[in-house]
Amino acid sequence: MHILLFFCIFSFFSCNAQLSKLPKEMPTTAKMSFSEHAGMANAFKEIKIIGDTLSIKEKKAESSEIENHVGRIELADKRNLYKVFVKNRFDVIKNDKTINGPNDRSSEEVRIDLSPNYNLSHFIYYSALNEDNLTRYNAVKSAIFELYEKYKNKLKKHKQ
């Protein structure tokens, strides 16, 4: 009987460890982003969604210029992106191992930040993900790029 009780308690805590803490409704403070850095190629792309603003900061390897584009996005589009984070329980995705190595290698990450109203900020690197986590990570990344594609030609060039 004690063994059964122990198993039930252990199962309860194991399952709850995988429950998302992302609120179903998007907080007004939600910030979401994607970034990739090409390491020694000295190129990068950053896509940020903060408030009603979408900003893109990009440097191509063959150029010395950093391009900045900024514009407003529809609240419904931001909410739809947030729903993808919730559906994929993004805050419970974990990298399988610590990433060590030289700082000059390429990297990619997705981030969500619900501060200050919710004490929740979570980011995941593309590498070191098991198959399930990689599928969920890629779903969120794809949704960010769909938003990027929808708005990229509507954004205004912004001087830094």
C-alpha atoms as a PDB file:
ATOM      1  CA  MET A   1       0.000   0.000   0.000  1.00  0.00           C
ATOM      2  CA  HIS A   2       2.825   2.404   0.885  1.00  0.00           C
ATOM      3  CA  ILE A   3       4.541   1.609  -2.387  1.00  0.00           C
ATOM      4  CA  LEU A   4       1.362   2.444  -4.319  1.00  0.00           C
ATOM      5  CA  LEU A   5       0.977   5.731  -2.421  1.00  0.00           C
ATOM      6  CA  PHE A   6       4.644   6.610  -3.095  1.00  0.00           C
ATOM      7  CA  PHE A   7       4.196   5.833  -6.810  1.00  0.00           C
ATOM      8  CA  CYS A   8       1.068   8.034  -7.020  1.00  0.00           C
ATOM      9  CA  ILE A   9       2.817  10.951  -5.298  1.00  0.00           C
ATOM     10  CA  PHE A  10       5.933  10.530  -7.463  1.00  0.00           C
ATOM     11  CA  SER A  11       3.784  10.389 -10.638  1.00  0.00           C
ATOM     12  CA  PHE A  12       1.885  13.510  -9.578  1.00  0.00           C
ATOM     13  CA  PHE A  13       5.079  15.520  -9.093  1.00  0.00           C
ATOM     14  CA  SER A  14       6.676  14.149 -12.262  1.00  0.00           C
ATOM     15  CA  CYS A  15       3.675  15.144 -14.370  1.00  0.00           C
ATOM     16  CA  ASN A  16       3.365  18.562 -12.743  1.00  0.00           C
ATOM     17  CA  ALA A  17       7.033  19.255 -13.438  1.00  0.00           C
ATOM     18  CA  GLN A  18       6.067  19.342 -17.113  1.00  0.00           C
ATOM     19  CA  LEU A  19       3.070  21.655 -16.725  1.00  0.00           C
ATOM     20  CA  SER A  20       3.456  25.026 -18.366  1.00  0.00           C
ATOM     21  CA  LYS A  21       3.248  28.161 -16.247  1.00  0.00           C
ATOM     22  CA  LEU A  22       2.419  30.332 -19.248  1.00  0.00           C
ATOM     23  CA  PRO A  23      -0.942  32.023 -18.668  1.00  0.00           C
ATOM     24  CA  LYS A  24      -3.586  31.112 -21.250  1.00  0.00           C
ATOM     25  CA  GLU A  25      -4.239  34.779 -21.989  1.00  0.00           C
ATOM     26  CA  MET A  26      -1.284  36.845 -23.183  1.00  0.00           C
ATOM     27  CA  PRO A  27      -0.065  39.354 -20.588  1.00  0.00           C
ATOM     28  CA  THR A  28       0.309  42.895 -21.905  1.00  0.00           C
ATOM     29  CA  THR A  29       3.988  42.769 -20.907  1.00  0.00           C
ATOM     30  CA  ALA A  30       4.777  39.733 -23.104  1.00  0.00           C
ATOM     31  CA  LYS A  31       8.023  40.022 -25.070  1.00  0.00           C
ATOM     32  CA  MET A  32       9.013  37.360 -27.585  1.00  0.00           C
ATOM     33  CA  SER A  33      12.130  37.093 -29.697  1.00  0.00           C
ATOM     34  CA  PHE A  34      14.334  35.037 -31.962  1.00  0.00           C
ATOM     35  CA  SER A  35      18.026  35.569 -32.545  1.00  0.00           C
ATOM     36  CA  GLU A  36      20.705  33.863 -34.542  1.00  0.00           C
ATOM     37  CA  HIS A  37      24.391  34.684 -34.714  1.00  0.00           C
ATOM     38  CA  ALA A  38      26.693  33.252 -37.344  1.00  0.00           C
ATOM     39  CA  GLY A  39      29.768  33.268 -35.131  1.00  0.00           C
ATOM     40  CA  MET A  40      32.944  34.033 -37.044  1.00  0.00           C
ATOM     41  CA  ALA A  41      30.967  35.096 -40.115  1.00  0.00           C
ATOM     42  CA  ASN A  42      30.024  38.217 -38.115  1.00  0.00           C
ATOM     43  CA  ALA A  43      26.400  38.075 -39.198  1.00  0.00           C
ATOM     44  CA  PHE A  44      23.226  38.041 -37.136  1.00  0.00           C
ATOM     45  CA  LYS A  45      19.449  38.444 -37.164  1.00  0.00           C
ATOM     46  CA  GLU A  46      17.310  39.494 -34.226  1.00  0.00           C
ATOM     47  CA  ILE A  47      13.510  39.561 -34.348  1.00  0.00           C
ATOM     48  CA  LYS A  48      11.785  41.136 -31.338  1.00  0.00           C
ATOM     49  CA  ILE A  49       8.115  41.557 -30.550  1.00  0.00           C
ATOM     50  CA  ILE A  50       7.648  44.029 -27.704  1.00  0.00           C
ATOM     51  CA  GLY A  51       4.370  45.805 -27.084  1.00  0.00           C
ATOM     52  CA  ASP A  52       2.807  46.509 -30.480  1.00  0.00           C
ATOM     53  CA  THR A  53       6.216  46.749 -32.148  1.00  0.00           C
ATOM     54  CA  LEU A  54       8.096  44.310 -34.333  1.00  0.00           C
ATOM     55  CA  SER A  55      11.772  45.114 -34.748  1.00  0.00           C
ATOM     56  CA  ILE A  56      14.336  43.421 -36.942  1.00  0.00           C
ATOM     57  CA  LYS A  57      18.052  43.976 -36.538  1.00  0.00           C
ATOM     58  CA  GLU A  58      20.191  42.253 -39.126  1.00  0.00           C
ATOM     59  CA  LYS A  59      23.768  42.191 -40.331  1.00  0.00           C
ATOM     60  CA  LYS A  60      24.763  40.097 -43.302  1.00  0.00           C
ATOM     61  CA  ALA A  61      28.242  38.582 -43.490  1.00  0.00           C
ATOM     62  CA  GLU A  62      29.091  40.385 -46.729  1.00  0.00           C
ATOM     63  CA  SER A  63      28.112  43.794 -45.354  1.00  0.00           C
ATOM     64  CA  SER A  64      29.441  46.072 -42.633  1.00  0.00           C
ATOM     65  CA  GLU A  65      26.049  47.778 -42.278  1.00  0.00           C
ATOM     66  CA  ILE A  66      23.577  46.821 -39.573  1.00  0.00           C
ATOM     67  CA  GLU A  67      19.996  47.158 -40.794  1.00  0.00           C
ATOM     68  CA  ASN A  68      17.218  48.055 -38.369  1.00  0.00           C
ATOM     69  CA  HIS A  69      13.546  47.892 -39.310  1.00  0.00           C
ATOM     70  CA  VAL A  70      10.705  48.746 -36.957  1.00  0.00           C
ATOM     71  CA  GLY A  71       6.936  48.858 -37.237  1.00  0.00           C
ATOM     72  CA  ARG A  72       3.636  48.289 -35.541  1.00  0.00           C
ATOM     73  CA  ILE A  73       1.914  44.927 -35.599  1.00  0.00           C
ATOM     74  CA  GLU A  74      -1.687  44.007 -34.965  1.00  0.00           C
ATOM     75  CA  LEU A  75      -2.457  42.881 -31.423  1.00  0.00           C
ATOM     76  CA  ALA A  76      -4.285  39.839 -32.836  1.00  0.00           C
ATOM     77  CA  ASP A  77      -1.082  38.733 -34.594  1.00  0.00           C
ATOM     78  CA  LYS A  78       0.902  39.064 -31.384  1.00  0.00           C
ATOM     79  CA  ARG A  79      -1.760  37.104 -29.493  1.00  0.00           C
ATOM     80  CA  ASN A  80      -1.686  34.365 -32.122  1.00  0.00           C
ATOM     81  CA  LEU A  81       2.089  34.108 -31.765  1.00  0.00           C
ATOM     82  CA  TYR A  82       1.737  33.909 -27.975  1.00  0.00           C
ATOM     83  CA  LYS A  83      -0.794  31.075 -28.383  1.00  0.00           C
ATOM     84  CA  VAL A  84       1.886  29.071 -30.219  1.00  0.00           C
ATOM     85  CA  PHE A  85       4.201  29.483 -27.212  1.00  0.00           C
ATOM     86  CA  VAL A  86       1.370  28.262 -24.934  1.00  0.00           C
ATOM     87  CA  LYS A  87       0.326  25.375 -27.205  1.00  0.00           C
ATOM     88  CA  ASN A  88       3.911  24.117 -27.335  1.00  0.00           C
ATOM     89  CA  ARG A  89       4.487  24.621 -23.598  1.00  0.00           C
ATOM     90  CA  PHE A  90       7.591  26.584 -24.480  1.00  0.00           C
ATOM     91  CA  ASP A  91       8.518  27.294 -20.860  1.00  0.00           C
ATOM     92  CA  VAL A  92       9.015  23.585 -20.102  1.00  0.00           C
ATOM     93  CA  ILE A  93      11.318  22.925 -23.051  1.00  0.00           C
ATOM     94  CA  LYS A  94      14.785  22.230 -21.716  1.00  0.00           C
ATOM     95  CA  ASN A  95      18.120  21.900 -23.419  1.00  0.00           C
ATOM     96  CA  ASP A  96      19.374  18.362 -22.853  1.00  0.00           C
ATOM     97  CA  LYS A  97      22.863  19.424 -21.870  1.00  0.00           C
ATOM     98  CA  THR A  98      24.870  22.510 -21.151  1.00  0.00           C
ATOM     99  CA  ILE A  99      26.313  24.077 -24.235  1.00  0.00           C
ATOM    100  CA  ASN A 100      30.050  24.498 -23.914  1.00  0.00           C
ATOM    101  CA  GLY A 101      32.516  25.439 -26.549  1.00  0.00           C
ATOM    102  CA  PRO A 102      34.105  28.373 -28.273  1.00  0.00           C
ATOM    103  CA  ASN A 103      32.245  31.684 -28.354  1.00  0.00           C
ATOM    104  CA  ASP A 104      32.861  32.071 -32.089  1.00  0.00           C
ATOM    105  CA  ARG A 105      30.459  29.325 -33.209  1.00  0.00           C
ATOM    106  CA  SER A 106      26.993  30.053 -34.549  1.00  0.00           C
ATOM    107  CA  SER A 107      24.005  30.034 -32.226  1.00  0.00           C
ATOM    108  CA  GLU A 108      20.234  30.406 -32.304  1.00  0.00           C
ATOM    109  CA  GLU A 109      17.675  31.002 -29.555  1.00  0.00           C
ATOM    110  CA  VAL A 110      14.017  31.743 -28.924  1.00  0.00           C
ATOM    111  CA  ARG A 111      12.975  33.725 -25.858  1.00  0.00           C
ATOM    112  CA  ILE A 112       9.806  34.716 -24.026  1.00  0.00           C
ATOM    113  CA  ASP A 113       9.683  37.196 -21.156  1.00  0.00           C
ATOM    114  CA  LEU A 114       6.544  37.950 -19.140  1.00  0.00           C
ATOM    115  CA  SER A 115       8.213  40.203 -16.558  1.00  0.00           C
ATOM    116  CA  PRO A 116       7.376  42.121 -14.436  1.00  0.00           C
ATOM    117  CA  ASN A 117       3.752  40.950 -13.940  1.00  0.00           C
ATOM    118  CA  TYR A 118       4.739  37.290 -14.090  1.00  0.00           C
ATOM    119  CA  ASN A 119       8.069  36.085 -12.820  1.00  0.00           C
ATOM    120  CA  LEU A 120       8.674  34.132 -15.995  1.00  0.00           C
ATOM    121  CA  SER A 121      11.425  34.470 -18.546  1.00  0.00           C
ATOM    122  CA  HIS A 122      12.596  31.501 -20.586  1.00  0.00           C
ATOM    123  CA  PHE A 123      14.961  30.991 -23.490  1.00  0.00           C
ATOM    124  CA  ILE A 124      16.085  27.921 -25.377  1.00  0.00           C
ATOM    125  CA  TYR A 125      19.065  27.392 -27.619  1.00  0.00           C
ATOM    126  CA  TYR A 126      18.500  25.414 -30.806  1.00  0.00           C
ATOM    127  CA  SER A 127      21.197  22.855 -30.043  1.00  0.00           C
ATOM    128  CA  ALA A 128      20.979  20.055 -27.502  1.00  0.00           C
ATOM    129  CA  LEU A 129      17.244  19.369 -27.851  1.00  0.00           C
ATOM    130  CA  ASN A 130      15.612  15.957 -27.904  1.00  0.00           C
ATOM    131  CA  GLU A 131      13.128  15.179 -30.691  1.00  0.00           C
ATOM    132  CA  ASP A 132       9.983  16.297 -28.834  1.00  0.00           C
ATOM    133  CA  ASN A 133      11.580  19.519 -27.606  1.00  0.00           C
ATOM    134  CA  LEU A 134      13.032  20.231 -31.043  1.00  0.00           C
ATOM    135  CA  THR A 135       9.591  19.847 -32.648  1.00  0.00           C
ATOM    136  CA  ARG A 136       8.044  22.271 -30.160  1.00  0.00           C
ATOM    137  CA  TYR A 137      10.969  24.727 -30.487  1.00  0.00           C
ATOM    138  CA  ASN A 138      10.674  24.673 -34.291  1.00  0.00           C
ATOM    139  CA  ALA A 139       6.906  25.296 -34.116  1.00  0.00           C
ATOM    140  CA  VAL A 140       7.515  28.474 -32.109  1.00  0.00           C
ATOM    141  CA  LYS A 141      10.403  29.545 -34.349  1.00  0.00           C
ATOM    142  CA  SER A 142       8.242  29.005 -37.460  1.00  0.00           C
ATOM    143  CA  ALA A 143       5.454  31.144 -35.985  1.00  0.00           C
ATOM    144  CA  ILE A 144       7.931  33.971 -35.342  1.00  0.00           C
ATOM    145  CA  PHE A 145       9.161  33.751 -38.936  1.00  0.00           C
ATOM    146  CA  GLU A 146       5.585  33.736 -40.273  1.00  0.00           C
ATOM    147  CA  LEU A 147       4.998  36.998 -38.396  1.00  0.00           C
ATOM    148  CA  TYR A 148       8.307  38.327 -39.740  1.00  0.00           C
ATOM    149  CA  GLU A 149       7.334  37.410 -43.322  1.00  0.00           C
ATOM    150  CA  LYS A 150       3.911  39.040 -42.940  1.00  0.00           C
ATOM    151  CA  TYR A 151       5.336  42.373 -41.773  1.00  0.00           C
ATOM    152  CA  LYS A 152       8.879  42.636 -43.163  1.00  0.00           C
ATOM    153  CA  ASN A 153       7.864  44.756 -46.170  1.00  0.00           C
ATOM    154  CA  LYS A 154       5.732  47.074 -43.989  1.00  0.00           C
ATOM    155  CA  LEU A 155       8.496  47.960 -41.535  1.00  0.00           C
ATOM    156  CA  LYS A 156      10.368  51.240 -41.738  1.00  0.00           C
ATOM    157  CA  LYS A 157      14.134  51.491 -41.770  1.00  0.00           C
ATOM    158  CA  HIS A 158      15.310  52.832 -38.451  1.00  0.00           C
ATOM    159  CA  LYS A 159      18.663  54.512 -37.843  1.00  0.00           C
ATOM    160  CA  GLN A 160      20.558  53.360 -34.811  1.00  0.00           C
END
